[in-house]
Amino acid sequence: MDEMEFEDALKELETIVQKLDDRSIRLKDAIAAMERAQLLSELCQKQLQEAENRVRVLEQKDEVKTE
């Protein structure tokens, strides 16, 4: 799942949330959807953290160049 793109994971997460909000989903399916949503959420958080770290590195490089 780590290979999944952020945008794809977020879109799937949004779809799961819509299904859960609909409340017509069976309990067993709701639990499976919640488990999948948790994994997707963790993946998105990880990828966002990595992106933030890369931006910080780029900003630091830019500061060194302008000094």
C-alpha atoms as a PDB file:
ATOM      1  CA  MET A   1       0.000   0.000   0.000  1.00  0.00           C
ATOM      2  CA  ASP A   2       2.985   2.341   0.467  1.00  0.00           C
ATOM      3  CA  GLU A   3       3.175   2.591  -3.315  1.00  0.00           C
ATOM      4  CA  MET A   4      -0.270   4.188  -3.498  1.00  0.00           C
ATOM      5  CA  GLU A   5      -0.226   7.848  -4.510  1.00  0.00           C
ATOM      6  CA  PHE A   6      -1.454  10.361  -1.933  1.00  0.00           C
ATOM      7  CA  GLU A   7      -4.282  11.608  -4.136  1.00  0.00           C
ATOM      8  CA  ASP A   8      -5.531   8.071  -4.810  1.00  0.00           C
ATOM      9  CA  ALA A   9      -5.461   7.200  -1.114  1.00  0.00           C
ATOM     10  CA  LEU A  10      -7.292  10.392  -0.218  1.00  0.00           C
ATOM     11  CA  LYS A  11      -9.947   9.779  -2.855  1.00  0.00           C
ATOM     12  CA  GLU A  12     -10.532   6.238  -1.600  1.00  0.00           C
ATOM     13  CA  LEU A  13     -10.676   7.523   1.967  1.00  0.00           C
ATOM     14  CA  GLU A  14     -13.305  10.087   0.970  1.00  0.00           C
ATOM     15  CA  THR A  15     -15.336   7.352  -0.753  1.00  0.00           C
ATOM     16  CA  ILE A  16     -15.232   5.228   2.397  1.00  0.00           C
ATOM     17  CA  VAL A  17     -16.382   8.153   4.520  1.00  0.00           C
ATOM     18  CA  GLN A  18     -19.318   8.742   2.172  1.00  0.00           C
ATOM     19  CA  LYS A  19     -20.319   5.077   2.412  1.00  0.00           C
ATOM     20  CA  LEU A  20     -20.145   5.182   6.193  1.00  0.00           C
ATOM     21  CA  ASP A  21     -22.150   8.409   6.315  1.00  0.00           C
ATOM     22  CA  ASP A  22     -24.831   6.771   4.173  1.00  0.00           C
ATOM     23  CA  ARG A  23     -25.473   4.334   7.033  1.00  0.00           C
ATOM     24  CA  SER A  24     -26.908   1.723   4.688  1.00  0.00           C
ATOM     25  CA  ILE A  25     -23.714  -0.314   4.926  1.00  0.00           C
ATOM     26  CA  ARG A  26     -23.806  -3.611   6.797  1.00  0.00           C
ATOM     27  CA  LEU A  27     -21.943  -3.819  10.104  1.00  0.00           C
ATOM     28  CA  LYS A  28     -19.366  -6.316   8.817  1.00  0.00           C
ATOM     29  CA  ASP A  29     -18.682  -4.128   5.784  1.00  0.00           C
ATOM     30  CA  ALA A  30     -18.557  -1.004   7.944  1.00  0.00           C
ATOM     31  CA  ILE A  31     -15.888  -2.534  10.152  1.00  0.00           C
ATOM     32  CA  ALA A  32     -13.833  -3.577   7.129  1.00  0.00           C
ATOM     33  CA  ALA A  33     -14.244  -0.084   5.690  1.00  0.00           C
ATOM     34  CA  MET A  34     -13.111   1.476   8.968  1.00  0.00           C
ATOM     35  CA  GLU A  35     -10.010  -0.724   8.992  1.00  0.00           C
ATOM     36  CA  ARG A  36      -9.211   0.252   5.405  1.00  0.00           C
ATOM     37  CA  ALA A  37      -9.835   3.911   6.224  1.00  0.00           C
ATOM     38  CA  GLN A  38      -7.395   3.702   9.127  1.00  0.00           C
ATOM     39  CA  LEU A  39      -4.679   2.307   6.859  1.00  0.00           C
ATOM     40  CA  LEU A  40      -5.351   4.967   4.231  1.00  0.00           C
ATOM     41  CA  SER A  41      -5.299   7.705   6.843  1.00  0.00           C
ATOM     42  CA  GLU A  42      -1.940   6.516   8.169  1.00  0.00           C
ATOM     43  CA  LEU A  43      -0.567   6.362   4.635  1.00  0.00           C
ATOM     44  CA  CYS A  44      -1.733   9.906   3.885  1.00  0.00           C
ATOM     45  CA  GLN A  45      -0.271  11.208   7.139  1.00  0.00           C
ATOM     46  CA  LYS A  46       3.052   9.519   6.405  1.00  0.00           C
ATOM     47  CA  GLN A  47       3.212  10.929   2.884  1.00  0.00           C
ATOM     48  CA  LEU A  48       2.291  14.424   4.087  1.00  0.00           C
ATOM     49  CA  GLN A  49       5.019  14.274   6.731  1.00  0.00           C
ATOM     50  CA  GLU A  50       7.550  13.189   4.119  1.00  0.00           C
ATOM     51  CA  ALA A  51       6.465  16.034   1.838  1.00  0.00           C
ATOM     52  CA  GLU A  52       6.769  18.556   4.677  1.00  0.00           C
ATOM     53  CA  ASN A  53      10.267  17.296   5.444  1.00  0.00           C
ATOM     54  CA  ARG A  54      11.301  17.636   1.796  1.00  0.00           C
ATOM     55  CA  VAL A  55       9.948  21.196   1.672  1.00  0.00           C
ATOM     56  CA  ARG A  56      11.904  22.082   4.819  1.00  0.00           C
ATOM     57  CA  VAL A  57      15.097  20.743   3.243  1.00  0.00           C
ATOM     58  CA  LEU A  58      14.452  22.775   0.102  1.00  0.00           C
ATOM     59  CA  GLU A  59      13.766  25.903   2.144  1.00  0.00           C
ATOM     60  CA  GLN A  60      16.989  25.421   4.077  1.00  0.00           C
ATOM     61  CA  LYS A  61      18.941  24.994   0.850  1.00  0.00           C
ATOM     62  CA  ASP A  62      17.347  28.147  -0.502  1.00  0.00           C
ATOM     63  CA  GLU A  63      18.280  30.081   2.655  1.00  0.00           C
ATOM     64  CA  VAL A  64      21.899  28.997   2.327  1.00  0.00           C
ATOM     65  CA  LYS A  65      21.997  30.172  -1.293  1.00  0.00           C
ATOM     66  CA  THR A  66      20.572  33.605  -0.477  1.00  0.00           C
ATOM     67  CA  GLU A  67      23.006  34.277   2.372  1.00  0.00           C
END
